[in-house]
Amino acid sequence: KVNTKTMHEYYTHTSETNMDLGYGILVNKYYSLPDKYAPDDIVSMSSQYAYPDNSIRSEVYDAFKEMCKAANADGITLIVNSSYRDFESQKEIYEDYKDKNGIEYADKYAARPNFSEHQTGLSLDIFSPGYGMKTFENSPAFEWLSSNSYKYGFILRYPKDKESITGYSYESWHYRYLGKDLAKRVYDSSLTFDEYYAYYLDK
């Protein structure tokens, strides 16, 4: 808890993440993006890989397409439901949660603008046809991703029973791109990315 800052209340003792780490940046309830950050390599995603109006950073898209091809070869269909969100979109989502259910609820289920992984352009919410948020963890696609996503640069960002470290409820569908090398190291460590960052990346 000391190393990951989780001994402190959410959104206190915050600092700007180290953008020099590239795909290894940490964005959570203690580390923020530069104000109104927007990547300069966002591309639209084809309907072959995502529902309408999704976009993501170019390298992440290439990696996801590679992963989809491998999954398809194993009889698995993957599709993206949510991807890059700019500052204004994230602000709107957070404010809507807060207005309807209060700030405590909003902070549990949504990120504040500048503190959102989706704003990095490195996160994808991945599903499979016929499965939603409540059922995706029981799908063949989730089982496949659990064993293979790191090979294509992705990790499960908010694992089960790790809410006290990640600050978010378990999300079987939320995957973060780190690049193949770092994703394998995090996967092999069996740590959350928050812990791995604190121990090995935050020098």
Protein backbone atom coordinates (compact mmCIF):
# COMPACT_ATOMS: atom_id res chain seq x y z
CA LYS A 1 0.00 0.00 0.00
CA VAL A 2 2.91 2.35 0.67
CA ASN A 3 4.55 1.69 -2.68
CA THR A 4 1.32 1.99 -4.69
CA LYS A 5 0.07 5.06 -2.74
CA THR A 6 -3.11 3.17 -1.79
CA MET A 7 -2.55 4.01 1.86
CA HIS A 8 -3.95 7.43 0.85
CA GLU A 9 -7.48 8.38 -0.12
CA TYR A 10 -8.22 8.31 -3.85
CA TYR A 11 -7.28 11.46 -5.74
CA THR A 12 -5.05 12.69 -2.93
CA HIS A 13 -1.24 12.75 -3.08
CA THR A 14 -1.54 12.81 -6.86
CA SER A 15 1.23 13.49 -9.35
CA GLU A 16 1.57 13.60 -13.12
CA THR A 17 2.64 10.30 -14.62
CA ASN A 18 6.07 9.97 -16.19
CA MET A 19 5.31 10.36 -19.88
CA ASP A 20 8.90 9.37 -20.73
CA LEU A 21 7.88 5.76 -20.04
CA GLY A 22 5.87 5.61 -23.26
CA TYR A 23 3.57 2.61 -23.23
CA GLY A 24 4.65 1.96 -19.64
CA ILE A 25 2.93 5.02 -18.18
CA LEU A 26 0.71 4.47 -15.16
CA VAL A 27 -2.62 6.28 -15.01
CA ASN A 28 -4.85 5.63 -12.02
CA LYS A 29 -6.40 7.51 -9.09
CA TYR A 30 -2.98 8.83 -8.02
CA TYR A 31 -1.18 9.36 -11.33
CA SER A 32 -2.69 11.70 -13.91
CA LEU A 33 -2.08 12.53 -17.54
CA PRO A 34 -1.00 16.05 -18.48
CA ASP A 35 -4.07 18.29 -18.47
CA LYS A 36 -6.36 17.55 -21.43
CA TYR A 37 -3.79 15.12 -22.87
CA ALA A 38 -4.60 13.74 -26.32
CA PRO A 39 -2.40 11.30 -28.30
CA ASP A 40 -1.45 12.38 -31.81
CA ASP A 41 -1.71 8.93 -33.42
CA ILE A 42 -5.37 8.04 -32.90
CA VAL A 43 -6.96 6.06 -35.75
CA SER A 44 -10.52 4.87 -36.35
CA MET A 45 -11.29 1.19 -35.85
CA SER A 46 -13.00 -0.79 -38.59
CA SER A 47 -16.39 -2.43 -37.97
CA GLN A 48 -14.55 -5.72 -38.43
CA TYR A 49 -12.88 -5.15 -35.07
CA ALA A 50 -15.11 -2.76 -33.12
CA TYR A 51 -18.60 -1.40 -32.71
CA PRO A 52 -19.19 2.03 -34.32
CA ASP A 53 -17.33 5.17 -33.28
CA ASN A 54 -14.28 3.51 -31.74
CA SER A 55 -10.71 4.70 -32.19
CA ILE A 56 -7.35 3.91 -30.64
CA ARG A 57 -3.64 4.60 -31.01
CA SER A 58 -2.18 3.18 -34.21
CA GLU A 59 0.21 0.63 -32.66
CA VAL A 60 -2.49 -0.61 -30.29
CA TYR A 61 -4.81 -1.14 -33.24
CA ASP A 62 -2.17 -3.13 -35.11
CA ALA A 63 -1.57 -5.28 -32.04
CA PHE A 64 -5.27 -5.87 -31.54
CA LYS A 65 -5.72 -6.93 -35.16
CA GLU A 66 -2.84 -9.38 -34.75
CA MET A 67 -4.47 -10.74 -31.59
CA CYS A 68 -7.85 -11.04 -33.31
CA LYS A 69 -6.32 -13.07 -36.13
CA ALA A 70 -4.78 -15.50 -33.63
CA ALA A 71 -8.02 -15.72 -31.66
CA ASN A 72 -10.01 -16.38 -34.83
CA ALA A 73 -7.68 -19.24 -35.67
CA ASP A 74 -8.73 -20.77 -32.35
CA GLY A 75 -12.43 -20.19 -33.02
CA ILE A 76 -12.66 -17.05 -30.86
CA THR A 77 -14.24 -13.76 -31.96
CA LEU A 78 -13.15 -10.55 -30.24
CA ILE A 79 -14.76 -7.14 -30.64
CA VAL A 80 -14.10 -3.78 -29.00
CA ASN A 81 -16.95 -2.01 -27.26
CA SER A 82 -15.07 1.01 -25.91
CA SER A 83 -11.65 2.45 -26.63
CA TYR A 84 -10.10 5.93 -26.72
CA ARG A 85 -11.98 8.69 -24.94
CA ASP A 86 -10.82 12.27 -25.11
CA PHE A 87 -10.84 14.58 -22.08
CA GLU A 88 -14.31 15.95 -22.77
CA SER A 89 -15.86 12.51 -23.30
CA GLN A 90 -14.38 11.19 -20.06
CA LYS A 91 -15.51 14.30 -18.20
CA GLU A 92 -19.05 13.83 -19.49
CA ILE A 93 -19.14 10.16 -18.40
CA TYR A 94 -17.76 10.94 -14.94
CA GLU A 95 -20.08 13.90 -14.37
CA ASP A 96 -23.08 11.82 -15.44
CA TYR A 97 -22.20 9.09 -12.90
CA LYS A 98 -21.70 11.71 -10.22
CA ASP A 99 -24.93 13.58 -10.93
CA LYS A 100 -27.02 10.40 -10.91
CA ASN A 101 -25.39 8.45 -8.06
CA GLY A 102 -23.02 10.71 -6.13
CA ILE A 103 -19.27 11.17 -6.08
CA GLU A 104 -18.48 7.97 -4.16
CA TYR A 105 -20.26 5.86 -6.77
CA ALA A 106 -18.68 7.83 -9.62
CA ASP A 107 -15.17 7.33 -8.22
CA LYS A 108 -15.76 3.58 -7.89
CA TYR A 109 -16.96 2.96 -11.43
CA ALA A 110 -15.52 5.76 -13.56
CA ALA A 111 -12.29 7.71 -13.73
CA ARG A 112 -12.05 11.45 -13.40
CA PRO A 113 -10.87 13.22 -16.57
CA ASN A 114 -7.05 13.22 -16.88
CA PHE A 115 -7.01 10.12 -14.62
CA SER A 116 -8.57 7.73 -17.15
CA GLU A 117 -6.77 4.86 -18.86
CA HIS A 118 -9.09 5.28 -21.83
CA GLN A 119 -7.75 8.80 -22.30
CA THR A 120 -4.26 7.35 -22.86
CA GLY A 121 -5.39 5.67 -26.07
CA LEU A 122 -3.86 2.44 -24.73
CA SER A 123 -6.94 0.70 -23.31
CA LEU A 124 -9.64 -1.40 -24.93
CA ASP A 125 -12.84 -2.89 -23.55
CA ILE A 126 -12.94 -6.24 -25.34
CA PHE A 127 -15.98 -8.49 -25.58
CA SER A 128 -17.25 -11.40 -27.65
CA PRO A 129 -20.64 -11.55 -29.39
CA GLY A 130 -23.33 -12.80 -27.02
CA TYR A 131 -21.54 -11.77 -23.83
CA GLY A 132 -21.81 -8.60 -21.78
CA MET A 133 -20.15 -7.14 -18.70
CA LYS A 134 -21.81 -9.59 -16.30
CA THR A 135 -21.08 -12.70 -18.35
CA PHE A 136 -17.85 -12.06 -20.23
CA GLU A 137 -15.66 -13.69 -17.58
CA ASN A 138 -17.48 -16.96 -18.31
CA SER A 139 -16.85 -16.80 -22.06
CA PRO A 140 -14.35 -18.80 -24.11
CA ALA A 141 -12.99 -15.43 -25.27
CA PHE A 142 -12.07 -14.42 -21.72
CA GLU A 143 -10.37 -17.77 -21.13
CA TRP A 144 -8.39 -17.28 -24.35
CA LEU A 145 -7.41 -13.71 -23.46
CA SER A 146 -6.32 -14.77 -19.98
CA SER A 147 -3.78 -17.16 -21.51
CA ASN A 148 -2.78 -15.25 -24.62
CA SER A 149 -3.34 -11.47 -24.49
CA TYR A 150 0.14 -10.74 -23.12
CA LYS A 151 1.67 -12.30 -26.25
CA TYR A 152 0.24 -9.37 -28.22
CA GLY A 153 1.12 -6.68 -25.68
CA PHE A 154 -2.06 -6.59 -23.57
CA ILE A 155 -2.74 -7.26 -19.89
CA LEU A 156 -5.94 -7.58 -17.89
CA ARG A 157 -5.81 -4.23 -16.13
CA TYR A 158 -8.29 -4.68 -13.27
CA PRO A 159 -8.12 -8.30 -12.03
CA LYS A 160 -10.50 -9.94 -9.57
CA ASP A 161 -9.94 -9.30 -5.86
CA LYS A 162 -7.41 -6.52 -6.54
CA GLU A 163 -9.70 -3.52 -6.08
CA SER A 164 -7.75 -2.31 -3.03
CA ILE A 165 -4.66 -1.97 -5.27
CA THR A 166 -6.10 -0.92 -8.64
CA GLY A 167 -8.86 1.28 -7.23
CA TYR A 168 -11.41 -0.28 -9.58
CA SER A 169 -13.85 -3.14 -9.44
CA TYR A 170 -12.96 -6.29 -11.37
CA GLU A 171 -13.32 -5.72 -15.13
CA SER A 172 -12.81 -8.90 -17.11
CA TRP A 173 -13.14 -6.93 -20.35
CA HIS A 174 -10.65 -4.07 -19.78
CA TYR A 175 -7.24 -4.64 -21.40
CA ARG A 176 -4.27 -2.30 -21.38
CA TYR A 177 -1.59 -2.21 -24.05
CA LEU A 178 2.00 -2.20 -22.74
CA GLY A 179 3.90 -3.61 -25.70
CA LYS A 180 4.89 -7.26 -25.93
CA ASP A 181 8.02 -7.15 -23.79
CA LEU A 182 6.56 -5.28 -20.83
CA ALA A 183 3.25 -7.14 -21.01
CA LYS A 184 5.07 -10.47 -20.71
CA ARG A 185 7.07 -9.23 -17.73
CA VAL A 186 3.93 -8.04 -15.96
CA TYR A 187 2.10 -11.27 -16.82
CA ASP A 188 4.98 -13.41 -15.54
CA SER A 189 5.13 -11.41 -12.30
CA SER A 190 1.48 -12.15 -11.42
CA LEU A 191 1.32 -8.56 -10.11
CA THR A 192 -1.16 -5.85 -10.95
CA PHE A 193 0.31 -3.18 -13.21
CA ASP A 194 0.09 -0.75 -10.29
CA GLU A 195 2.39 -2.98 -8.22
CA TYR A 196 4.75 -3.72 -11.10
CA TYR A 197 5.07 -0.01 -11.83
CA ALA A 198 5.85 0.78 -8.19
CA TYR A 199 8.48 -1.95 -7.88
CA TYR A 200 10.18 -1.87 -11.27
CA LEU A 201 9.32 1.21 -13.35
CA ASP A 202 9.03 4.09 -10.86
CA LYS A 203 12.72 4.82 -10.36
